[in-house]
Amino acid sequence: MLARAISTLETGIMGQIFKTLGYLAALAGLLMVGVGHVLGAESGAQDQQTEKPFRAALLYDLGGKFDRSFNESAWNGAEAFRKETGFEYRDFEPTSEIQYEQALRRYARRGYDAIIVVGFGYAIALNNVAQEFPEIPFTAIDAVVQLPNVRSVTFKEHEGSYLAGVVAALQSESGQVGFLGGMDIPLIRRFEHGYRQGVEQTNPAIRVISNYIGTTPSAWNDPIKAADLARGQYSRGVDVIYHAAGPSGLGLIQAAKDTGKFAIGVDSNQNPVAPGNVLTSMLKRVDRGVYTAMMDTLNGRWTPGIVTFGLKEDGVALAVDEHNNQIYTSEMRAAVEAATNAIVSGDIKVRDALTGEGMPDDPDDND
């Protein structure tokens, strides 16, 4: 009887021991699961830190984002990047040149991955800020800043303007065509002289009259004065005017519509602004410069230095669409194609007022 009691007692004790060990094993399992969750959460946090969103900033020139010209072309490039990648971007519309450096420094301090500025007016501000933030890649559209963290995107505006001159000469019935510049600077003279050469080599008998709106940045935002100058040219017999005046050029287009004459737009496709009165538009592919800068930075392909877009690189062209295809003749198409091929091959050398290459000695016909 005593032996049986002892055996029963031993069995009970061992059962309790095994049950306790089972509880301990289960507890250890729960602890391991908890540690796994903690490690997983830390790993996820690290992944989120590693995969932070790409941040780009686009700073426009004066005149507003939707100027139907230079700035809007830049916006189109940023929008193409956003739609393709899903990454949003921040943009800024300055109201004065004083804000250029302030805005640049603000985005740089916030550590943006790519900062793009639009317009030659940013050159000094960018030169100052880019040196303070050497780790940030900056891209300047239409400005040259030679620093190891700056890409300068330039265009061969004179090549596209030559084509505009070909079309103006073929359209003109009066024997007089016009040019309207915004701010009187070498860059805009480049447009004018390319245009003049296209006119001259298409029809040497045609006279080119030119005007400039002003000598300060306000010239880009004065459509009333642009319209007055355009009406003055039209009243003197000019029947086609090509402009390089940014938002001010909208005044020219309105004057063309009011007088039943022709205008040639610039930078963006301005054909829809006044269908039937805008003969064509000289596209300056600012959108490509902005899109490429953002995409190259995102994909680790961004490099500093000067990048130039001309006819060969599809950086300039004339716009043909449903808004002007009734007035843009087959003769114009053929002449523009021939001139394009000749410029790309080097058979035609377009003179460059910015560098002085090929410039004539005779004075301009400015009024």
Protein backbone atom coordinates (compact mmCIF):
# COMPACT_ATOMS: atom_id res chain seq x y z
CA MET A 1 0.00 0.00 0.00
CA LEU A 2 2.84 2.36 0.92
CA ALA A 3 4.69 1.55 -2.32
CA ARG A 4 1.59 2.27 -4.38
CA ALA A 5 1.15 5.64 -2.65
CA ILE A 6 4.76 6.59 -3.30
CA SER A 7 4.41 5.59 -6.98
CA THR A 8 1.28 7.68 -7.34
CA LEU A 9 2.97 10.61 -5.69
CA GLU A 10 5.99 10.34 -8.04
CA THR A 11 3.73 10.17 -11.08
CA GLY A 12 1.89 13.31 -9.99
CA ILE A 13 5.10 15.20 -9.35
CA MET A 14 6.56 14.26 -12.75
CA GLY A 15 3.31 15.29 -14.46
CA GLN A 16 3.48 18.67 -12.86
CA ILE A 17 7.13 19.03 -13.92
CA PHE A 18 6.31 18.15 -17.53
CA LYS A 19 3.32 20.50 -17.52
CA THR A 20 5.52 23.31 -16.17
CA LEU A 21 8.15 22.62 -18.82
CA GLY A 22 5.39 22.80 -21.45
CA TYR A 23 4.31 26.18 -20.18
CA LEU A 24 7.91 27.42 -20.24
CA ALA A 25 8.37 26.20 -23.82
CA ALA A 26 5.20 27.92 -24.90
CA LEU A 27 6.29 31.12 -23.19
CA ALA A 28 9.66 30.96 -24.93
CA GLY A 29 7.88 30.54 -28.24
CA LEU A 30 5.76 33.59 -27.59
CA LEU A 31 8.86 35.57 -26.67
CA MET A 32 10.56 34.56 -29.91
CA VAL A 33 7.51 35.60 -31.90
CA GLY A 34 7.50 38.95 -30.10
CA VAL A 35 11.18 39.49 -30.83
CA GLY A 36 10.52 38.61 -34.47
CA HIS A 37 7.75 41.20 -34.64
CA VAL A 38 10.04 43.83 -33.11
CA LEU A 39 12.87 43.01 -35.52
CA GLY A 40 10.44 43.02 -38.41
CA ALA A 41 9.11 46.41 -37.39
CA GLU A 42 12.65 47.78 -37.14
CA SER A 43 13.48 46.35 -40.55
CA GLY A 44 10.32 47.89 -42.02
CA ALA A 45 11.22 51.25 -40.51
CA GLN A 46 14.67 51.00 -42.05
CA ASP A 47 13.12 50.15 -45.44
CA GLN A 48 10.83 53.16 -45.19
CA GLN A 49 13.79 55.37 -44.42
CA THR A 50 15.74 53.92 -47.33
CA GLU A 51 12.85 54.24 -49.77
CA LYS A 52 12.04 57.89 -49.10
CA PRO A 53 10.16 59.72 -51.88
CA PHE A 54 12.15 61.46 -54.59
CA ARG A 55 11.76 65.22 -54.20
CA ALA A 56 12.27 67.68 -57.03
CA ALA A 57 11.72 71.45 -57.12
CA LEU A 58 11.07 73.59 -60.19
CA LEU A 59 11.58 77.36 -60.00
CA TYR A 60 10.03 79.34 -62.86
CA ASP A 61 11.11 82.58 -64.45
CA LEU A 62 9.05 85.75 -64.10
CA GLY A 63 5.72 85.71 -65.90
CA GLY A 64 3.87 82.90 -64.15
CA LYS A 65 3.61 79.18 -64.62
CA PHE A 66 0.92 79.31 -67.31
CA ASP A 67 2.45 81.95 -69.57
CA ARG A 68 1.74 79.89 -72.72
CA SER A 69 5.44 80.19 -73.42
CA PHE A 70 8.75 79.48 -71.67
CA ASN A 71 7.51 78.68 -68.15
CA GLU A 72 4.61 76.57 -69.35
CA SER A 73 6.96 74.47 -71.42
CA ALA A 74 9.00 73.83 -68.25
CA TRP A 75 5.80 72.88 -66.40
CA ASN A 76 4.91 70.43 -69.19
CA GLY A 77 8.25 68.69 -68.69
CA ALA A 78 7.73 68.38 -64.93
CA GLU A 79 4.20 67.09 -65.48
CA ALA A 80 5.48 64.44 -67.91
CA PHE A 81 7.93 63.31 -65.22
CA ARG A 82 5.20 63.19 -62.56
CA LYS A 83 2.81 61.19 -64.72
CA GLU A 84 5.48 58.69 -65.71
CA THR A 85 7.04 58.12 -62.29
CA GLY A 86 4.28 58.99 -59.82
CA PHE A 87 6.60 61.32 -57.91
CA GLU A 88 5.19 64.74 -57.10
CA TYR A 89 7.31 67.88 -57.33
CA ARG A 90 7.18 71.35 -55.82
CA ASP A 91 7.25 74.50 -57.94
CA PHE A 92 7.63 78.20 -57.29
CA GLU A 93 6.48 81.27 -59.22
CA PRO A 94 8.58 84.34 -58.36
CA THR A 95 7.15 87.82 -58.62
CA SER A 96 10.54 89.57 -58.59
CA GLU A 97 14.19 88.70 -59.16
CA ILE A 98 14.86 89.30 -55.46
CA GLN A 99 13.12 85.99 -54.73
CA TYR A 100 15.42 83.89 -56.92
CA GLU A 101 18.16 83.34 -54.36
CA GLN A 102 15.75 83.13 -51.43
CA ALA A 103 13.75 80.35 -53.05
CA LEU A 104 16.84 78.47 -54.19
CA ARG A 105 18.33 78.48 -50.71
CA ARG A 106 15.02 77.43 -49.13
CA TYR A 107 14.70 74.29 -51.26
CA ALA A 108 18.40 73.49 -50.88
CA ARG A 109 18.17 73.67 -47.08
CA ARG A 110 15.25 71.26 -47.19
CA GLY A 111 17.48 68.76 -48.97
CA TYR A 112 15.63 68.37 -52.25
CA ASP A 113 17.05 65.69 -54.53
CA ALA A 114 16.88 67.82 -57.68
CA ILE A 115 16.44 71.57 -58.10
CA ILE A 116 15.76 73.04 -61.55
CA VAL A 117 15.68 76.75 -62.32
CA VAL A 118 14.24 78.25 -65.50
CA GLY A 119 15.72 81.36 -67.07
CA PHE A 120 19.06 83.12 -67.48
CA GLY A 121 18.13 85.49 -64.66
CA TYR A 122 18.93 82.77 -62.10
CA ALA A 123 22.63 82.61 -63.04
CA ILE A 124 24.02 84.75 -60.21
CA ALA A 125 21.70 83.33 -57.55
CA LEU A 126 22.46 79.77 -58.59
CA ASN A 127 26.19 80.40 -58.62
CA ASN A 128 25.94 81.56 -55.01
CA VAL A 129 23.66 78.83 -53.66
CA ALA A 130 25.14 75.85 -55.53
CA GLN A 131 28.52 76.49 -53.90
CA GLU A 132 26.91 76.36 -50.46
CA PHE A 133 25.22 72.99 -51.19
CA PRO A 134 27.75 70.99 -53.24
CA GLU A 135 25.92 67.70 -52.59
CA ILE A 136 22.73 68.81 -54.41
CA PRO A 137 22.46 68.53 -58.21
CA PHE A 138 21.11 71.76 -59.71
CA THR A 139 19.96 72.22 -63.31
CA ALA A 140 19.78 75.61 -65.00
CA ILE A 141 17.61 76.04 -68.08
CA ASP A 142 18.89 78.83 -70.35
CA ALA A 143 21.69 79.81 -67.96
CA VAL A 144 25.31 78.69 -67.83
CA VAL A 145 26.82 78.16 -64.37
CA GLN A 146 30.10 76.28 -64.41
CA LEU A 147 30.19 74.42 -61.12
CA PRO A 148 30.68 70.69 -60.45
CA ASN A 149 27.10 70.28 -59.19
CA VAL A 150 25.30 72.25 -61.94
CA ARG A 151 23.97 71.10 -65.31
CA SER A 152 23.43 73.99 -67.74
CA VAL A 153 20.84 73.29 -70.43
CA THR A 154 21.08 75.54 -73.49
CA PHE A 155 19.37 75.59 -76.87
CA LYS A 156 20.31 76.53 -80.42
CA GLU A 157 17.52 79.06 -80.71
CA HIS A 158 19.10 80.54 -83.83
CA GLU A 159 18.57 77.27 -85.70
CA GLY A 160 14.85 77.13 -84.92
CA SER A 161 14.54 80.85 -85.63
CA TYR A 162 16.09 80.32 -89.06
CA LEU A 163 13.19 77.99 -89.86
CA ALA A 164 10.73 80.65 -88.63
CA GLY A 165 12.37 83.08 -91.06
CA VAL A 166 11.90 80.63 -93.94
CA VAL A 167 8.17 80.36 -93.21
CA ALA A 168 7.74 84.13 -92.74
CA ALA A 169 9.42 84.85 -96.07
CA LEU A 170 7.23 82.34 -97.89
CA GLN A 171 4.07 83.76 -96.31
CA SER A 172 4.80 87.47 -96.78
CA GLU A 173 3.00 89.23 -99.60
CA SER A 174 4.06 92.77 -98.66
CA GLY A 175 7.80 92.18 -98.80
CA GLN A 176 8.16 93.18 -95.12
CA VAL A 177 8.28 90.96 -92.04
CA GLY A 178 8.92 91.82 -88.42
CA PHE A 179 10.65 90.64 -85.27
CA LEU A 180 9.61 91.55 -81.72
CA GLY A 181 12.05 90.87 -78.89
CA GLY A 182 11.40 91.07 -75.17
CA MET A 183 14.45 92.19 -73.20
CA ASP A 184 17.28 93.44 -75.40
CA ILE A 185 20.03 90.95 -74.50
CA PRO A 186 22.42 88.78 -76.57
CA LEU A 187 20.25 85.68 -76.11
CA ILE A 188 17.26 87.35 -77.78
CA ARG A 189 19.48 88.85 -80.47
CA ARG A 190 20.30 85.24 -81.24
CA PHE A 191 16.63 84.64 -82.11
CA GLU A 192 16.52 87.76 -84.24
CA HIS A 193 19.61 87.06 -86.32
CA GLY A 194 18.71 83.44 -86.96
CA TYR A 195 15.31 84.66 -88.14
CA ARG A 196 16.86 87.35 -90.35
CA GLN A 197 19.13 84.82 -92.00
CA GLY A 198 16.23 82.47 -92.72
CA VAL A 199 14.30 85.34 -94.33
CA GLU A 200 17.28 86.56 -96.36
CA GLN A 201 18.26 83.17 -97.73
CA THR A 202 14.66 82.42 -98.68
CA ASN A 203 13.94 85.80 -100.30
CA PRO A 204 16.71 88.46 -100.21
CA ALA A 205 14.25 91.16 -101.33
CA ILE A 206 12.25 91.01 -98.08
CA ARG A 207 12.93 93.66 -95.44
CA VAL A 208 13.04 92.75 -91.73
CA ILE A 209 11.93 95.33 -89.14
CA SER A 210 12.64 94.69 -85.47
CA ASN A 211 11.65 96.20 -82.13
CA TYR A 212 12.50 95.38 -78.52
CA ILE A 213 10.08 95.92 -75.67
CA GLY A 214 12.70 97.04 -73.14
CA THR A 215 16.06 96.59 -71.46
CA THR A 216 14.92 95.32 -68.04
CA PRO A 217 13.16 92.10 -66.96
CA SER A 218 9.81 93.91 -66.99
CA ALA A 219 9.98 93.61 -70.79
CA TRP A 220 8.86 89.99 -70.46
CA ASN A 221 5.57 91.00 -68.86
CA ASP A 222 4.30 93.90 -70.91
CA PRO A 223 1.81 92.57 -73.47
CA ILE A 224 0.26 96.04 -73.88
CA LYS A 225 3.51 97.53 -75.14
CA ALA A 226 4.11 94.43 -77.27
CA ALA A 227 0.70 94.90 -78.88
CA ASP A 228 1.42 98.58 -79.55
CA LEU A 229 4.76 97.81 -81.19
CA ALA A 230 3.18 95.04 -83.26
CA ARG A 231 0.39 97.29 -84.48
CA GLY A 232 3.00 99.84 -85.43
CA GLN A 233 4.81 97.30 -87.57
CA TYR A 234 1.60 96.04 -89.16
CA SER A 235 0.55 99.60 -90.00
CA ARG A 236 3.80 100.05 -91.91
CA GLY A 237 3.15 97.08 -94.15
CA VAL A 238 4.60 94.18 -92.18
CA ASP A 239 2.39 91.13 -92.55
CA VAL A 240 4.22 88.51 -90.41
CA ILE A 241 5.91 89.11 -87.02
CA TYR A 242 8.00 86.56 -85.13
CA HIS A 243 8.44 87.17 -81.42
CA ALA A 244 10.85 86.13 -78.69
CA ALA A 245 9.22 88.05 -75.87
CA GLY A 246 7.90 85.48 -73.41
CA PRO A 247 4.46 86.35 -71.95
CA SER A 248 4.62 89.78 -73.61
CA GLY A 249 4.30 88.01 -76.94
CA LEU A 250 0.64 87.35 -76.21
CA GLY A 251 0.10 91.04 -76.96
CA LEU A 252 1.58 90.51 -80.41
CA ILE A 253 -0.71 87.56 -81.06
CA GLN A 254 -3.73 89.60 -80.04
CA ALA A 255 -2.62 92.38 -82.40
CA ALA A 256 -2.28 89.86 -85.23
CA LYS A 257 -5.79 88.63 -84.56
CA ASP A 258 -7.20 92.16 -84.40
CA THR A 259 -5.56 93.24 -87.66
CA GLY A 260 -5.96 90.01 -89.60
CA LYS A 261 -2.18 89.62 -89.90
CA PHE A 262 0.15 86.77 -88.91
CA ALA A 263 2.28 86.08 -85.84
CA ILE A 264 4.82 83.36 -85.19
CA GLY A 265 4.87 82.09 -81.60
CA VAL A 266 7.81 80.91 -79.53
CA ASP A 267 8.90 78.43 -76.84
CA SER A 268 5.57 76.59 -76.38
CA ASN A 269 3.04 75.80 -79.10
CA GLN A 270 1.08 79.05 -79.35
CA ASN A 271 -0.91 78.01 -82.42
CA PRO A 272 -4.09 77.49 -80.35
CA VAL A 273 -3.97 81.05 -78.96
CA ALA A 274 -5.28 82.50 -82.22
CA PRO A 275 -5.95 79.77 -84.80
CA GLY A 276 -5.60 81.12 -88.32
CA ASN A 277 -3.42 84.04 -87.20
CA VAL A 278 -0.53 82.16 -85.65
CA LEU A 279 1.37 80.88 -88.67
CA THR A 280 3.47 78.49 -86.58
CA SER A 281 5.43 78.45 -83.32
CA MET A 282 9.14 77.92 -82.83
CA LEU A 283 9.27 75.27 -80.15
CA LYS A 284 12.10 75.52 -77.70
CA ARG A 285 12.01 72.19 -75.91
CA VAL A 286 12.38 73.48 -72.38
CA ASP A 287 10.11 70.59 -71.39
CA ARG A 288 12.76 68.10 -72.52
CA GLY A 289 15.42 69.87 -70.48
CA VAL A 290 13.32 69.74 -67.31
CA TYR A 291 12.06 66.18 -67.82
CA THR A 292 15.55 64.86 -68.58
CA ALA A 293 17.08 66.57 -65.55
CA MET A 294 14.49 65.07 -63.19
CA MET A 295 14.62 61.62 -64.74
CA ASP A 296 18.42 61.51 -64.87
CA THR A 297 18.65 62.50 -61.20
CA LEU A 298 16.09 59.87 -60.18
CA ASN A 299 17.92 57.13 -62.08
CA GLY A 300 21.43 58.11 -61.06
CA ARG A 301 22.38 59.30 -64.56
CA TRP A 302 22.59 63.03 -63.84
CA THR A 303 25.88 64.66 -64.81
CA PRO A 304 27.05 68.29 -64.60
CA GLY A 305 28.25 70.39 -67.51
CA ILE A 306 26.65 72.04 -70.53
CA VAL A 307 23.95 70.15 -72.46
CA THR A 308 22.81 71.72 -75.72
CA PHE A 309 19.66 70.95 -77.71
CA GLY A 310 19.49 72.00 -81.36
CA LEU A 311 17.77 70.75 -84.50
CA LYS A 312 19.88 67.60 -84.50
CA GLU A 313 18.80 66.78 -80.93
CA ASP A 314 15.14 67.69 -81.58
CA GLY A 315 15.56 70.56 -79.15
CA VAL A 316 14.00 73.17 -81.45
CA ALA A 317 11.33 72.77 -84.13
CA LEU A 318 8.28 74.38 -85.72
CA ALA A 319 4.81 73.41 -84.54
CA VAL A 320 2.26 72.10 -87.03
CA ASP A 321 -1.15 70.99 -85.76
CA GLU A 322 -4.87 71.28 -86.39
CA HIS A 323 -4.76 74.98 -85.52
CA ASN A 324 -2.45 76.00 -88.37
CA ASN A 325 -2.42 73.18 -90.90
CA GLN A 326 -4.75 75.12 -93.20
CA ILE A 327 -2.30 78.03 -93.49
CA TYR A 328 0.96 76.12 -93.18
CA THR A 329 1.39 75.17 -96.83
CA SER A 330 3.07 72.20 -98.47
CA GLU A 331 5.66 74.61 -99.85
CA MET A 332 6.51 75.66 -96.30
CA ARG A 333 6.76 72.06 -95.15
CA ALA A 334 9.14 71.18 -97.96
CA ALA A 335 11.28 74.29 -97.45
CA VAL A 336 11.53 73.74 -93.69
CA GLU A 337 12.47 70.09 -94.15
CA ALA A 338 15.18 71.02 -96.65
CA ALA A 339 16.55 73.76 -94.38
CA THR A 340 16.51 71.44 -91.38
CA ASN A 341 18.50 68.80 -93.22
CA ALA A 342 20.99 71.40 -94.47
CA ILE A 343 21.54 72.82 -90.97
CA VAL A 344 21.95 69.40 -89.38
CA SER A 345 24.42 68.33 -92.06
CA GLY A 346 26.39 71.57 -91.79
CA ASP A 347 25.62 72.78 -95.29
CA ILE A 348 23.93 75.84 -93.76
CA LYS A 349 25.78 77.62 -90.96
CA VAL A 350 23.35 79.69 -88.94
CA ARG A 351 24.98 82.80 -87.53
CA ASP A 352 25.01 83.15 -83.79
CA ALA A 353 24.61 86.55 -82.12
CA LEU A 354 25.43 85.02 -78.73
CA THR A 355 28.92 83.85 -79.74
CA GLY A 356 29.43 86.21 -82.68
CA GLU A 357 30.01 83.31 -85.05
CA GLY A 358 29.10 84.21 -88.65
CA MET A 359 27.64 87.59 -87.74
CA PRO A 360 27.46 90.20 -90.55
CA ASP A 361 28.99 93.65 -90.31
CA ASP A 362 25.93 95.54 -91.60
CA PRO A 363 23.74 97.26 -88.99
CA ASP A 364 20.34 95.92 -87.92
CA ASP A 365 17.13 97.47 -89.16
CA ASN A 366 15.79 98.39 -85.71
CA ASP A 367 13.02 100.93 -85.21
